[in-house]
C-alpha cells in the first residue's frame, strides 16, 4: 500500500503520486518539474531522518528500561528461587 505524503512547497500542495510521475518521466520533464521533485524528495528525506532519530532514541530508552526491569526481576528470582 502506497502511503500518500504531501508537502507544502511554495504554497503548492504536491502529492507523492505526482512526484512519482515526474520521477518516472524525468527525461521528458521540465527543469521546473525536476526542481519540484527534488524539493519534495529533500523535504521527505529531512522528515524521515528526523523521525528515525526520534525513534532511535525511543528504542534506546525502551531497551534501557527493559534491561533495568529484567535485571531486577532476575535478582528477585535468585533470592526467592
N, C-alpha and C. Protein backbone atom coordinates (compact mmCIF):
# COMPACT_ATOMS: atom_id res chain seq x y z
N UNK A 1 0.84 -1.18 0.00
CA UNK A 1 0.00 0.00 0.00
C UNK A 1 0.88 1.24 0.00
N UNK A 2 0.65 2.14 -0.91
CA UNK A 2 1.42 3.36 -1.02
C UNK A 2 0.84 4.41 -0.10
N UNK A 3 1.68 4.92 0.81
CA UNK A 3 1.21 5.96 1.70
C UNK A 3 1.37 7.30 0.98
N UNK A 4 0.31 8.06 0.92
CA UNK A 4 0.30 9.33 0.21
C UNK A 4 0.85 10.42 1.11
N UNK A 5 2.03 10.91 0.79
CA UNK A 5 2.62 12.02 1.52
C UNK A 5 2.39 13.29 0.74
N UNK A 6 2.31 14.39 1.43
CA UNK A 6 2.23 15.67 0.74
C UNK A 6 2.96 16.71 1.55
N UNK A 7 3.56 17.65 0.85
CA UNK A 7 4.30 18.72 1.48
C UNK A 7 3.85 20.03 0.87
N UNK A 8 3.89 21.07 1.63
CA UNK A 8 3.52 22.38 1.14
C UNK A 8 4.79 23.06 0.65
N UNK A 9 5.00 23.04 -0.65
CA UNK A 9 6.17 23.65 -1.24
C UNK A 9 5.75 24.91 -1.96
N UNK A 10 6.25 26.02 -1.51
CA UNK A 10 5.95 27.31 -2.13
C UNK A 10 4.45 27.48 -2.32
N UNK A 11 3.71 27.24 -1.26
CA UNK A 11 2.25 27.39 -1.25
C UNK A 11 1.53 26.49 -2.25
N UNK A 12 2.17 25.42 -2.67
CA UNK A 12 1.52 24.46 -3.57
C UNK A 12 1.54 23.10 -2.90
N UNK A 13 0.39 22.50 -2.79
CA UNK A 13 0.31 21.19 -2.18
C UNK A 13 0.61 20.14 -3.26
N UNK A 14 1.63 19.39 -3.04
CA UNK A 14 2.07 18.40 -4.01
C UNK A 14 1.88 17.01 -3.41
N UNK A 15 1.30 16.14 -4.15
CA UNK A 15 1.08 14.77 -3.68
C UNK A 15 2.20 13.87 -4.21
N UNK A 16 2.53 12.86 -3.43
CA UNK A 16 3.63 11.98 -3.80
C UNK A 16 3.38 11.27 -5.13
N UNK A 17 2.12 11.00 -5.46
CA UNK A 17 1.82 10.38 -6.75
C UNK A 17 2.27 11.23 -7.92
N UNK A 18 2.09 12.55 -7.78
CA UNK A 18 2.54 13.46 -8.83
C UNK A 18 4.06 13.45 -8.93
N UNK A 19 4.72 13.39 -7.80
CA UNK A 19 6.18 13.36 -7.78
C UNK A 19 6.68 12.06 -8.40
N UNK A 20 6.03 10.95 -8.08
CA UNK A 20 6.44 9.68 -8.68
C UNK A 20 6.33 9.71 -10.20
N UNK A 21 5.32 10.37 -10.70
CA UNK A 21 5.15 10.50 -12.15
C UNK A 21 6.28 11.34 -12.74
N UNK A 22 6.66 12.41 -12.07
CA UNK A 22 7.80 13.22 -12.54
C UNK A 22 9.07 12.39 -12.55
N UNK A 23 9.28 11.60 -11.50
CA UNK A 23 10.47 10.76 -11.42
C UNK A 23 10.47 9.74 -12.55
N UNK A 24 9.33 9.13 -12.80
CA UNK A 24 9.22 8.12 -13.85
C UNK A 24 9.51 8.72 -15.23
N UNK A 25 9.07 9.95 -15.42
CA UNK A 25 9.21 10.60 -16.72
C UNK A 25 10.28 11.69 -16.70
N UNK A 26 11.29 11.54 -15.87
CA UNK A 26 12.24 12.62 -15.65
C UNK A 26 12.95 13.11 -16.91
N UNK A 27 13.15 12.22 -17.88
CA UNK A 27 13.85 12.62 -19.11
C UNK A 27 13.03 13.61 -19.93
N UNK A 28 11.71 13.52 -19.83
CA UNK A 28 10.83 14.37 -20.63
C UNK A 28 10.32 15.59 -19.85
N UNK A 29 10.57 15.64 -18.56
CA UNK A 29 10.02 16.70 -17.72
C UNK A 29 10.88 17.96 -17.76
N UNK A 30 10.23 19.07 -17.45
CA UNK A 30 10.91 20.36 -17.44
C UNK A 30 11.81 20.47 -16.21
N UNK A 31 12.72 21.44 -16.27
CA UNK A 31 13.58 21.71 -15.12
C UNK A 31 12.75 22.11 -13.91
N UNK A 32 11.66 22.82 -14.14
CA UNK A 32 10.77 23.22 -13.05
C UNK A 32 10.19 21.99 -12.35
N UNK A 33 9.75 21.01 -13.13
CA UNK A 33 9.23 19.76 -12.55
C UNK A 33 10.32 19.01 -11.79
N UNK A 34 11.52 18.95 -12.38
CA UNK A 34 12.62 18.26 -11.71
C UNK A 34 12.96 18.95 -10.38
N UNK A 35 12.97 20.29 -10.39
CA UNK A 35 13.25 21.02 -9.16
C UNK A 35 12.17 20.75 -8.12
N UNK A 36 10.93 20.70 -8.55
CA UNK A 36 9.82 20.40 -7.66
C UNK A 36 9.98 19.02 -7.03
N UNK A 37 10.35 18.04 -7.85
CA UNK A 37 10.56 16.68 -7.35
C UNK A 37 11.74 16.64 -6.38
N UNK A 38 12.82 17.34 -6.71
CA UNK A 38 13.98 17.36 -5.83
C UNK A 38 13.64 18.02 -4.49
N UNK A 39 12.86 19.10 -4.53
CA UNK A 39 12.44 19.76 -3.29
C UNK A 39 11.59 18.82 -2.44
N UNK A 40 10.68 18.11 -3.08
CA UNK A 40 9.83 17.15 -2.38
C UNK A 40 10.68 16.06 -1.74
N UNK A 41 11.61 15.52 -2.51
CA UNK A 41 12.47 14.44 -2.01
C UNK A 41 13.32 14.93 -0.84
N UNK A 42 13.85 16.14 -0.97
CA UNK A 42 14.66 16.69 0.11
C UNK A 42 13.83 16.87 1.38
N UNK A 43 12.62 17.37 1.24
CA UNK A 43 11.73 17.57 2.39
C UNK A 43 11.36 16.22 3.01
N UNK A 44 11.07 15.23 2.18
CA UNK A 44 10.74 13.89 2.66
C UNK A 44 11.94 13.27 3.37
N UNK A 45 13.13 13.48 2.83
CA UNK A 45 14.36 12.96 3.43
C UNK A 45 14.54 13.54 4.84
N UNK A 46 14.40 14.86 4.97
CA UNK A 46 14.56 15.51 6.28
C UNK A 46 13.51 15.00 7.26
N UNK A 47 12.27 14.89 6.81
CA UNK A 47 11.19 14.39 7.65
C UNK A 47 11.48 12.97 8.13
N UNK A 48 11.89 12.11 7.20
CA UNK A 48 12.18 10.71 7.52
C UNK A 48 13.37 10.61 8.47
N UNK A 49 14.41 11.39 8.20
CA UNK A 49 15.62 11.36 9.04
C UNK A 49 15.28 11.78 10.48
N UNK A 50 14.50 12.84 10.63
CA UNK A 50 14.11 13.30 11.96
C UNK A 50 13.32 12.23 12.70
N UNK A 51 12.42 11.56 12.00
CA UNK A 51 11.63 10.51 12.64
C UNK A 51 12.48 9.31 13.02
N UNK A 52 13.44 8.95 12.18
CA UNK A 52 14.33 7.83 12.51
C UNK A 52 15.15 8.16 13.75
N UNK A 53 15.63 9.38 13.85
CA UNK A 53 16.40 9.78 15.03
C UNK A 53 15.53 9.71 16.28
N UNK A 54 14.31 10.25 16.19
CA UNK A 54 13.39 10.20 17.34
C UNK A 54 13.08 8.76 17.72
N UNK A 55 12.83 7.91 16.74
CA UNK A 55 12.52 6.51 17.03
C UNK A 55 13.73 5.78 17.60
N UNK A 56 14.92 6.13 17.14
CA UNK A 56 16.14 5.51 17.68
C UNK A 56 16.31 5.84 19.16
N UNK A 57 16.04 7.10 19.50
CA UNK A 57 16.13 7.50 20.91
C UNK A 57 15.07 6.76 21.74
N UNK A 58 13.88 6.65 21.18
CA UNK A 58 12.80 5.94 21.88
C UNK A 58 13.18 4.47 22.07
N UNK A 59 13.72 3.86 21.04
CA UNK A 59 14.12 2.46 21.12
C UNK A 59 15.22 2.26 22.17
N UNK A 60 16.17 3.18 22.23
CA UNK A 60 17.22 3.10 23.25
C UNK A 60 16.63 3.18 24.66
N UNK A 61 15.67 4.07 24.86
CA UNK A 61 15.04 4.20 26.17
C UNK A 61 14.25 2.95 26.53
N UNK A 62 13.56 2.38 25.55
CA UNK A 62 12.83 1.13 25.80
C UNK A 62 13.77 0.01 26.20
N UNK A 63 14.88 -0.09 25.48
CA UNK A 63 15.85 -1.14 25.78
C UNK A 63 16.43 -0.96 27.18
N UNK A 64 16.78 0.26 27.54
CA UNK A 64 17.34 0.52 28.87
C UNK A 64 16.33 0.21 29.96
N UNK A 65 15.08 0.60 29.74
CA UNK A 65 14.03 0.33 30.73
C UNK A 65 13.79 -1.17 30.87
N UNK A 66 13.73 -1.87 29.75
CA UNK A 66 13.54 -3.32 29.80
C UNK A 66 14.69 -3.98 30.55
N UNK A 67 15.92 -3.58 30.23
CA UNK A 67 17.09 -4.17 30.89
C UNK A 67 17.08 -3.92 32.39
N UNK A 68 16.66 -2.73 32.80
CA UNK A 68 16.56 -2.41 34.22
C UNK A 68 15.55 -3.32 34.91
N UNK A 69 14.36 -3.44 34.30
CA UNK A 69 13.33 -4.30 34.89
C UNK A 69 13.73 -5.77 34.86
N UNK A 70 14.37 -6.19 33.78
CA UNK A 70 14.80 -7.59 33.68
C UNK A 70 15.84 -7.92 34.75
N UNK A 71 16.76 -7.01 34.97
CA UNK A 71 17.78 -7.22 36.00
C UNK A 71 17.13 -7.35 37.37
N UNK A 72 16.20 -6.46 37.69
CA UNK A 72 15.52 -6.51 38.98
C UNK A 72 14.73 -7.81 39.12
N UNK A 73 14.05 -8.20 38.07
CA UNK A 73 13.26 -9.42 38.10
C UNK A 73 14.16 -10.64 38.31
N UNK A 74 15.28 -10.67 37.61
CA UNK A 74 16.23 -11.78 37.75
C UNK A 74 16.79 -11.86 39.16
N UNK A 75 17.14 -10.72 39.71
CA UNK A 75 17.70 -10.70 41.07
C UNK A 75 16.67 -11.16 42.11
N UNK A 76 15.42 -10.78 41.92
CA UNK A 76 14.37 -11.22 42.84
C UNK A 76 14.17 -12.73 42.74
N UNK A 77 14.26 -13.27 41.56
CA UNK A 77 14.07 -14.72 41.38
C UNK A 77 15.23 -15.51 41.98
N UNK A 78 16.44 -14.94 41.99
CA UNK A 78 17.58 -15.60 42.61
C UNK A 78 17.37 -15.71 44.13
N UNK A 79 16.86 -14.63 44.71
CA UNK A 79 16.64 -14.60 46.16
C UNK A 79 15.48 -15.54 46.54
N UNK A 80 14.42 -15.51 45.78
CA UNK A 80 13.24 -16.32 46.10
C UNK A 80 13.33 -17.73 45.55
N UNK A 81 14.24 -17.99 44.63
CA UNK A 81 14.29 -19.30 43.97
C UNK A 81 15.22 -20.20 44.62
